[in-house]
Protein backbone atom coordinates (compact mmCIF):
# COMPACT_ATOMS: atom_id res chain seq x y z
CA MET A 1 -19.11 -82.72 59.81
CA SER A 2 -17.35 -80.62 62.46
CA LEU A 3 -16.50 -78.03 59.79
CA LEU A 4 -20.18 -77.65 58.93
CA ILE A 5 -21.10 -77.36 62.61
CA ASP A 6 -18.46 -74.64 63.06
CA ALA A 7 -19.82 -72.84 59.98
CA VAL A 8 -23.34 -72.89 61.45
CA LEU A 9 -22.01 -71.51 64.76
CA PHE A 10 -20.13 -68.68 63.02
CA LEU A 11 -23.09 -67.71 60.87
CA ALA A 12 -25.57 -67.86 63.76
CA ALA A 13 -23.34 -65.81 66.09
CA ALA A 14 -22.78 -63.18 63.39
CA LEU A 15 -26.48 -63.06 62.55
CA VAL A 16 -27.25 -62.22 66.20
CA ALA A 17 -24.35 -59.93 67.16
CA VAL A 18 -23.76 -57.90 63.99
CA PRO A 19 -27.29 -56.46 63.50
CA ILE A 20 -27.43 -55.53 67.21
CA SER A 21 -24.04 -53.80 67.00
CA VAL A 22 -25.04 -51.90 63.86
CA ARG A 23 -28.39 -50.97 65.41
CA LEU A 24 -26.60 -49.54 68.45
CA GLY A 25 -24.30 -47.50 66.21
CA PHE A 26 -21.07 -49.43 66.86
CA GLY A 27 -20.71 -50.79 63.33
CA SER A 28 -20.39 -54.34 62.07
CA VAL A 29 -16.73 -54.87 62.96
CA LEU A 30 -17.38 -54.68 66.72
CA GLY A 31 -20.32 -57.04 66.24
CA TYR A 32 -18.08 -59.64 64.65
CA LEU A 33 -15.52 -59.24 67.45
CA VAL A 34 -18.19 -59.75 70.11
CA ALA A 35 -19.57 -62.78 68.26
CA GLY A 36 -16.08 -64.30 68.21
CA VAL A 37 -15.61 -63.68 71.93
CA ALA A 38 -18.96 -65.33 72.68
CA ILE A 39 -18.36 -68.60 70.82
CA GLY A 40 -14.60 -68.70 71.48
CA PRO A 41 -12.72 -70.89 73.96
CA SER A 42 -12.70 -68.26 76.73
CA VAL A 43 -16.51 -67.88 77.00
CA LEU A 44 -18.89 -70.56 75.63
CA GLY A 45 -16.12 -72.73 74.19
CA LEU A 46 -18.21 -73.72 71.17
CA VAL A 47 -15.18 -73.35 68.87
CA GLU A 48 -11.76 -74.30 70.26
CA ASP A 49 -9.31 -74.31 67.35
CA VAL A 50 -8.61 -70.59 66.95
CA ASP A 51 -5.48 -71.12 64.83
CA ARG A 52 -7.44 -73.02 62.18
CA VAL A 53 -10.03 -70.24 62.03
CA PHE A 54 -7.28 -67.63 61.64
CA HIS A 55 -5.71 -69.55 58.74
CA VAL A 56 -9.03 -69.74 56.87
CA SER A 57 -10.04 -66.16 57.67
CA GLU A 58 -6.75 -64.73 56.36
CA LEU A 59 -8.20 -65.37 52.93
CA GLY A 60 -10.64 -62.51 53.61
CA ILE A 61 -7.78 -60.03 54.04
CA VAL A 62 -6.09 -61.45 50.95
CA LEU A 63 -9.22 -60.99 48.81
CA MET A 64 -9.83 -57.50 50.23
CA MET A 65 -6.34 -56.33 49.26
CA PHE A 66 -6.68 -58.03 45.87
CA VAL A 67 -9.87 -56.12 45.09
CA ILE A 68 -8.22 -52.85 46.16
CA GLY A 69 -5.17 -53.64 44.04
CA ILE A 70 -7.25 -54.48 40.96
CA GLU A 71 -8.74 -50.97 41.13
CA MET A 72 -5.25 -49.45 41.13
CA ASP A 73 -2.66 -49.04 38.43
CA VAL A 74 1.02 -48.09 38.44
CA ARG A 75 0.27 -44.45 37.67
CA LYS A 76 -2.11 -44.14 40.62
CA LEU A 77 0.42 -45.81 42.92
CA TRP A 78 3.08 -43.38 41.72
CA LYS A 79 0.80 -40.48 42.63
CA MET A 80 0.47 -42.00 46.11
CA ARG A 81 4.23 -42.34 46.63
CA GLN A 82 4.28 -39.51 49.19
CA SER A 83 1.56 -41.22 51.28
CA ILE A 84 3.22 -44.61 51.04
CA PHE A 85 6.91 -43.90 51.53
CA GLY A 86 6.81 -40.44 53.09
CA TYR A 87 3.83 -40.52 55.44
CA GLY A 88 4.07 -44.27 56.05
CA GLY A 89 7.77 -44.13 56.91
CA ILE A 90 7.36 -41.21 59.30
CA GLN A 91 4.38 -42.86 61.04
CA VAL A 92 6.16 -46.18 61.60
CA VAL A 93 9.38 -44.60 62.87
CA LEU A 94 7.64 -42.13 65.19
CA CYS A 95 5.11 -44.60 66.63
CA ALA A 96 7.69 -47.37 67.05
CA GLY A 97 10.07 -44.99 68.80
CA LEU A 98 7.45 -43.51 71.13
CA LEU A 99 6.03 -46.92 72.04
CA ALA A 100 9.50 -48.32 72.74
CA VAL A 101 10.30 -45.37 75.01
CA ALA A 102 6.96 -45.77 76.79
CA PHE A 103 7.48 -49.49 77.43
CA ILE A 104 11.08 -49.02 78.60
CA SER A 105 10.01 -46.23 80.96
CA PHE A 106 7.59 -48.72 82.56
CA GLY A 107 10.50 -50.99 83.38
CA VAL A 108 10.38 -53.31 80.38
CA ASN A 109 13.77 -54.61 79.19
CA TRP A 110 15.02 -52.36 76.41
CA ARG A 111 15.28 -55.24 73.94
CA VAL A 112 11.68 -56.25 74.55
CA GLY A 113 10.59 -52.60 74.45
CA ILE A 114 12.08 -52.08 70.99
CA ALA A 115 10.60 -55.33 69.65
CA ALA A 116 7.15 -54.42 71.03
CA GLY A 117 7.47 -50.90 69.61
CA PHE A 118 8.17 -52.35 66.17
CA ALA A 119 5.24 -54.77 66.32
CA LEU A 120 2.63 -52.42 67.78
CA SER A 121 3.45 -49.52 65.45
CA LEU A 122 1.67 -51.57 62.77
CA SER A 123 -2.09 -51.07 62.44
CA SER A 124 -4.87 -53.42 61.31
CA THR A 125 -5.18 -53.29 57.53
CA ALA A 126 -8.32 -55.44 57.65
CA MET A 127 -10.13 -53.23 60.16
CA VAL A 128 -9.15 -49.87 58.68
CA ILE A 129 -10.01 -50.79 55.09
CA ALA A 130 -13.30 -52.39 56.15
CA ILE A 131 -14.34 -49.23 58.02
CA LEU A 132 -13.27 -46.93 55.18
CA GLU A 133 -15.19 -48.98 52.62
CA GLN A 134 -18.32 -49.13 54.77
CA GLN A 135 -18.29 -45.36 55.13
CA GLY A 136 -17.41 -44.65 51.48
CA LEU A 137 -14.14 -42.92 52.33
CA MET A 138 -11.56 -44.96 50.42
CA GLN A 139 -11.22 -42.24 47.75
CA ALA A 140 -11.38 -39.33 50.23
CA PRO A 141 -8.12 -37.69 51.41
CA VAL A 142 -8.30 -39.44 54.78
CA GLY A 143 -8.80 -42.79 53.03
CA GLN A 144 -5.93 -42.33 50.59
CA THR A 145 -3.55 -41.21 53.34
CA SER A 146 -4.55 -44.11 55.60
CA PHE A 147 -4.19 -46.65 52.81
CA GLY A 148 -0.74 -45.36 51.87
CA ILE A 149 0.42 -45.72 55.47
CA LEU A 150 -1.03 -49.24 55.76
CA LEU A 151 0.68 -50.30 52.55
CA PHE A 152 4.03 -49.04 53.84
CA GLN A 153 3.48 -50.91 57.11
CA ASP A 154 3.22 -54.18 55.21
CA ILE A 155 6.54 -53.41 53.52
CA ALA A 156 8.15 -52.22 56.80
CA ALA A 157 7.62 -55.64 58.38
CA ILE A 158 10.52 -56.96 56.25
CA PRO A 159 13.31 -54.91 57.89
CA MET A 160 11.61 -55.30 61.29
CA ILE A 161 11.83 -59.09 61.14
CA ALA A 162 15.40 -58.82 59.81
CA LEU A 163 16.49 -56.56 62.69
CA LEU A 164 14.90 -58.53 65.55
CA PRO A 165 17.64 -61.22 65.69
CA LEU A 166 20.17 -58.44 66.32
CA LEU A 167 18.33 -57.69 69.57
CA SER A 168 18.52 -61.29 70.78
CA PRO A 169 20.14 -61.58 74.25
CA VAL A 170 21.85 -64.81 73.13
CA PRO A 171 22.79 -64.20 69.49
CA SER A 172 24.30 -67.06 67.54
CA ALA A 173 27.07 -66.63 65.01
CA ASP A 174 24.74 -66.59 62.01
CA THR A 175 21.65 -64.94 63.53
CA SER A 176 22.17 -61.49 62.02
CA SER A 177 23.13 -62.86 58.62
CA ASP A 178 19.99 -65.03 58.61
CA GLY A 179 17.87 -61.93 59.23
CA TRP A 180 19.38 -59.97 56.38
CA ASN A 181 19.31 -62.98 54.06
CA LEU A 182 15.59 -63.20 54.78
CA ALA A 183 15.14 -59.54 53.87
CA ILE A 184 17.09 -59.97 50.61
CA ARG A 185 15.04 -63.06 49.68
CA ALA A 186 11.84 -61.14 50.40
CA LEU A 187 12.81 -58.24 48.15
CA ALA A 188 13.96 -60.65 45.43
CA MET A 189 10.63 -62.48 45.61
CA LEU A 190 8.72 -59.20 45.32
CA ALA A 191 10.72 -58.22 42.23
CA ALA A 192 10.32 -61.67 40.68
CA VAL A 193 6.55 -61.67 41.19
CA ILE A 194 6.21 -58.28 39.51
CA VAL A 195 8.43 -59.11 36.51
CA VAL A 196 7.43 -62.74 35.92
CA GLY A 197 3.77 -62.08 36.75
CA SER A 198 3.53 -59.29 34.17
CA LEU A 199 4.97 -61.58 31.49
CA LEU A 200 2.70 -64.51 32.39
CA LEU A 201 -0.45 -62.41 32.21
CA ARG A 202 0.26 -61.42 28.61
CA TYR A 203 -0.17 -65.04 27.53
CA LEU A 204 -2.51 -66.48 30.18
CA LEU A 205 -5.35 -63.95 30.07
CA PRO A 206 -6.03 -64.17 26.30
CA PHE A 207 -5.99 -67.99 26.56
CA ILE A 208 -8.47 -67.96 29.48
CA ARG A 209 -10.76 -65.45 27.77
CA ARG A 210 -10.91 -67.67 24.68
CA SER A 211 -12.33 -70.49 26.81
CA GLY A 212 -15.60 -68.55 26.92
CA THR A 213 -16.42 -69.72 30.47
CA ARG A 214 -16.72 -67.13 33.21
CA ASP A 215 -16.11 -69.75 35.90
CA THR A 216 -12.68 -70.38 34.44
CA LEU A 217 -11.82 -66.70 34.86
CA THR A 218 -12.92 -66.81 38.52
CA VAL A 219 -10.87 -69.96 39.17
CA PHE A 220 -7.84 -68.33 37.56
CA ALA A 221 -8.27 -65.15 39.63
CA LEU A 222 -8.45 -67.14 42.89
CA LEU A 223 -5.44 -69.24 41.91
CA TRP A 224 -3.53 -66.10 40.91
CA VAL A 225 -4.12 -64.14 44.11
CA ILE A 226 -3.75 -67.07 46.54
CA GLY A 227 -0.65 -68.35 44.74
CA ILE A 228 1.11 -64.98 44.86
CA ALA A 229 0.04 -64.43 48.48
CA LEU A 230 1.55 -67.80 49.45
CA LEU A 231 4.77 -66.99 47.59
CA MET A 232 5.07 -63.80 49.62
CA HIS A 233 4.25 -65.67 52.82
CA SER A 234 7.03 -68.17 52.10
CA VAL A 235 9.61 -65.39 52.49
CA HIS A 236 7.85 -63.87 55.54
CA LEU A 237 6.26 -61.04 53.58
CA SER A 238 2.68 -60.03 54.29
CA MET A 239 0.13 -62.10 52.36
CA SER A 240 -1.97 -58.94 52.03
CA LEU A 241 0.94 -57.20 50.29
CA GLY A 242 1.20 -60.14 47.89
CA ALA A 243 -2.54 -59.99 47.19
CA PHE A 244 -2.32 -56.25 46.54
CA VAL A 245 0.52 -56.77 44.05
CA ALA A 246 -1.50 -59.55 42.37
CA GLY A 247 -4.40 -57.13 41.98
CA VAL A 248 -2.26 -54.30 40.62
CA LEU A 249 -0.84 -56.65 37.97
CA LEU A 250 -4.41 -57.32 36.79
CA ALA A 251 -5.54 -53.69 37.06
CA GLY A 252 -5.03 -52.89 33.38
CA SER A 253 -6.75 -56.01 32.02
CA ASP A 254 -10.12 -55.93 30.26
CA CYS A 255 -11.52 -58.60 32.61
CA ARG A 256 -10.97 -56.53 35.74
CA GLU A 257 -14.63 -55.75 36.40
CA GLU A 258 -15.74 -59.38 35.95
CA ILE A 259 -13.11 -60.64 38.39
CA GLU A 260 -13.94 -57.94 40.93
CA SER A 261 -17.68 -58.69 40.92
CA ASP A 262 -17.03 -62.43 41.31
CA ILE A 263 -14.57 -62.04 44.22
CA ALA A 264 -16.46 -59.41 46.25
CA PRO A 265 -19.02 -61.75 47.95
CA PHE A 266 -16.29 -64.09 49.25
CA LYS A 267 -14.33 -61.14 50.61
CA GLY A 268 -17.12 -59.81 52.82
CA VAL A 269 -17.93 -63.16 54.44
CA LEU A 270 -14.29 -64.10 55.09
CA LEU A 271 -13.46 -60.67 56.52
CA GLY A 272 -16.25 -61.16 59.02
CA LEU A 273 -14.72 -64.52 59.92
CA PHE A 274 -11.35 -62.82 60.48
CA PHE A 275 -12.78 -60.36 63.00
CA MET A 276 -14.54 -63.23 64.76
CA ALA A 277 -11.19 -65.05 64.96
CA VAL A 278 -9.63 -61.97 66.57
CA GLY A 279 -12.38 -61.97 69.18
CA MET A 280 -11.86 -65.70 69.79
CA SER A 281 -8.11 -65.14 70.33
CA ILE A 282 -8.63 -63.03 73.47
CA ASP A 283 -7.41 -65.15 76.40
CA PHE A 284 -9.53 -64.16 79.38
CA GLY A 285 -7.20 -66.19 81.61
CA VAL A 286 -4.45 -63.69 80.81
CA LEU A 287 -6.87 -60.83 81.48
CA ALA A 288 -7.81 -62.37 84.84
CA ARG A 289 -4.16 -62.79 85.87
CA ASN A 290 -2.98 -59.37 84.63
CA PRO A 291 -6.01 -57.08 84.37
CA LEU A 292 -4.20 -53.87 85.31
CA LEU A 293 -1.19 -54.61 83.10
CA VAL A 294 -3.34 -55.33 80.05
CA ALA A 295 -5.49 -52.23 80.64
CA VAL A 296 -2.40 -50.02 80.99
CA LEU A 297 -0.81 -51.48 77.86
CA VAL A 298 -3.98 -50.93 75.81
CA PHE A 299 -4.15 -47.34 77.07
CA VAL A 300 -0.45 -46.77 76.31
CA LEU A 301 -0.75 -48.30 72.83
CA VAL A 302 -3.89 -46.44 71.74
CA GLY A 303 -3.00 -43.21 73.57
CA THR A 304 0.56 -43.04 72.20
CA LYS A 305 -0.51 -43.73 68.62
CA LEU A 306 -3.41 -41.29 68.91
CA GLY A 307 -1.11 -38.51 70.09
CA ALA A 308 1.50 -39.22 67.42
CA LEU A 309 -1.07 -39.43 64.63
CA LEU A 310 -2.81 -36.23 65.69
CA TYR A 311 0.57 -34.51 65.54
CA LEU A 312 1.29 -36.00 62.11
CA ALA A 313 -2.17 -35.41 60.64
CA LYS A 314 -1.48 -31.71 60.10
CA ARG A 315 1.88 -32.50 58.46
CA PHE A 316 0.18 -35.09 56.26
CA GLN A 317 -2.28 -32.44 55.00
CA VAL A 318 -5.30 -34.28 56.38
CA PRO A 319 -8.27 -31.85 56.41
CA GLN A 320 -8.68 -30.35 59.88
CA ARG A 321 -12.11 -31.81 60.66
CA GLU A 322 -10.90 -35.30 59.70
CA ARG A 323 -7.72 -35.35 61.80
CA LEU A 324 -9.17 -36.94 64.93
CA TYR A 325 -11.00 -39.50 62.79
CA PHE A 326 -7.74 -40.30 60.98
CA ALA A 327 -5.84 -40.69 64.25
CA ILE A 328 -8.44 -43.01 65.79
CA LEU A 329 -8.75 -45.02 62.59
CA ILE A 330 -5.18 -46.36 62.67
CA SER A 331 -4.51 -46.17 66.41
CA GLN A 332 -4.95 -49.91 67.08
CA GLY A 333 -2.49 -52.76 66.90
CA GLY A 334 -2.71 -54.93 63.80
CA GLU A 335 -2.74 -58.52 62.68
CA PHE A 336 0.86 -58.32 61.49
CA ALA A 337 1.94 -57.55 65.05
CA PHE A 338 1.42 -61.27 65.71
CA VAL A 339 3.94 -62.11 62.97
CA VAL A 340 6.56 -59.66 64.24
CA MET A 341 6.13 -60.83 67.84
CA ALA A 342 6.42 -64.46 66.70
CA ALA A 343 9.78 -63.51 65.18
CA ALA A 344 10.66 -61.86 68.50
CA GLU A 345 9.79 -65.10 70.31
CA GLU A 346 12.07 -67.04 67.96
CA ALA A 347 14.84 -64.57 68.82
CA ARG A 348 14.17 -65.28 72.53
CA LEU A 349 13.11 -61.71 73.21
CA VAL A 350 9.68 -62.64 74.60
CA ASN A 351 8.14 -65.75 76.14
CA GLY A 352 4.75 -67.44 75.72
CA GLU A 353 3.07 -65.48 78.52
CA GLN A 354 4.21 -62.17 77.05
CA MET A 355 2.95 -63.27 73.62
CA SER A 356 -0.49 -63.96 75.13
CA ILE A 357 -0.51 -60.50 76.71
CA VAL A 358 0.39 -58.86 73.38
CA THR A 359 -2.36 -60.83 71.62
CA ALA A 360 -4.93 -59.64 74.17
CA VAL A 361 -3.70 -56.04 73.93
CA VAL A 362 -3.90 -56.01 70.12
CA ALA A 363 -7.37 -57.58 70.09
CA LEU A 364 -8.70 -55.13 72.71
CA SER A 365 -7.17 -52.16 70.88
CA MET A 366 -9.01 -53.30 67.74
CA ALA A 367 -12.25 -53.56 69.71
CA ALA A 368 -11.67 -50.03 71.02
CA THR A 369 -11.49 -48.49 67.53
CA PRO A 370 -15.23 -48.67 66.66
CA LEU A 371 -16.09 -47.36 70.14
CA LEU A 372 -13.72 -44.41 69.79
CA LEU A 373 -14.99 -43.66 66.27
CA MET A 374 -18.55 -43.62 67.56
CA ALA A 375 -17.54 -41.20 70.32
CA GLN A 376 -15.69 -39.02 67.80
CA HIS A 377 -18.71 -38.93 65.51
CA GLY A 378 -20.93 -37.84 68.40
CA LEU A 379 -18.42 -35.17 69.40
CA ALA A 380 -18.18 -33.86 65.83
CA ARG A 381 -21.96 -33.51 65.59
CA ARG A 382 -22.09 -31.42 68.77
CA LYS A 383 -19.53 -28.91 67.53
CA PRO A 384 -20.84 -25.64 66.05
CA GLY A 385 -20.65 -25.22 62.32
CA GLU A 386 -20.79 -27.91 59.67
CA PRO A 387 -20.85 -31.38 61.22
CA TYR A 388 -18.58 -34.12 59.96
CA HIS A 389 -20.76 -36.53 57.98
CA ARG A 390 -18.29 -39.29 57.25
CA ALA A 391 -20.10 -41.00 54.38
CA ALA A 392 -20.66 -37.74 52.54
CA LYS A 393 -17.08 -37.40 51.35
CA SER A 394 -17.22 -40.03 48.65
CA PRO A 395 -20.01 -42.30 47.36
CA PRO A 396 -19.58 -45.99 48.11
CA ASN A 397 -18.03 -48.03 45.34
CA GLU A 398 -20.58 -50.43 43.87
CA ALA A 399 -17.94 -53.14 43.72
CA HIS A 400 -17.90 -53.14 47.51
CA ASP A 401 -21.64 -53.49 48.08
CA ALA A 402 -21.12 -57.03 49.35
CA ASP A 403 -18.75 -55.91 52.09
CA LEU A 404 -19.47 -56.05 55.81
CA ARG A 405 -22.62 -54.11 56.53
């Protein structure tokens, strides 16, 4: 019964906040964040178990990456190799380094500074992809470059988690070996999923198609993507990366369009739930105790990444009028920062209070993104010459018409 009550609360809050946010020009993502803040434990307290909501809402990110993956194929990924490994690698290294230097210069212990730099160099895949899809920019140059960087960030989390134990102030004899063993297991799992998954699909898909029931195909697709995502999660890889791989493996099948149309409605609703969970996770007690610290950290995070990304945008061949948009788009902290910081806590680099501060900083940086994009859009329209109409670059994909709107 409590699950149904929570569902009613989520739907009612979204139904109020999201249309108002869209009407005011802030977009749906900020509306979901505000709705989560309102019903979360720090404000009205209508929903208390934030962790449970996060676990359920992660399925939205998984399905989103699955749908993107199912529209890809190996040849398209190979064409994007420069965006993924070149641009993505440069962005992570530069942003992580600059953030670490910034934190250390503010008096943070160098070990903590490096760990925080690693974690906060990662952006929010869920937020960026949702915004790009809403504005029909996934196939535009700015969308392709952003997606390549986000995909690399999911991969980069493996060595980050492996390296964190080396920074521990009280390393044990097997700490470093455990970290590298984890990285090796993660890479082995990724290879196994690709090889074994390709072989399984050759026999499973024809058998399922012969059943003649469309529901069976949908059940198989959900089992396929969630199963692979959980396998990746078991070796501390990103579930979204696993879902993307699951989609790519199905990209060449003749049932791709049927699966995509069946999955799309679930994706939009669960993504909204994820953003509400992010809003619920903001601890206003931490904000009340450390308002200046949190504000400074949000400014340092967003400002440092903005500056670095503006510098890189020209090198990444992003069209000139889209460079500020590109920089703002991936300037926030991301959901995988929580995973990296949890690994840092296990390595005794940070404590519970510092984890709460990082959570608040990431959530507020995500809330800042729609506001900054709205300001950028207004600024672009005031400039002389051709204004930057974001949705004009590429028509929205019909498969995404059930996304957050």
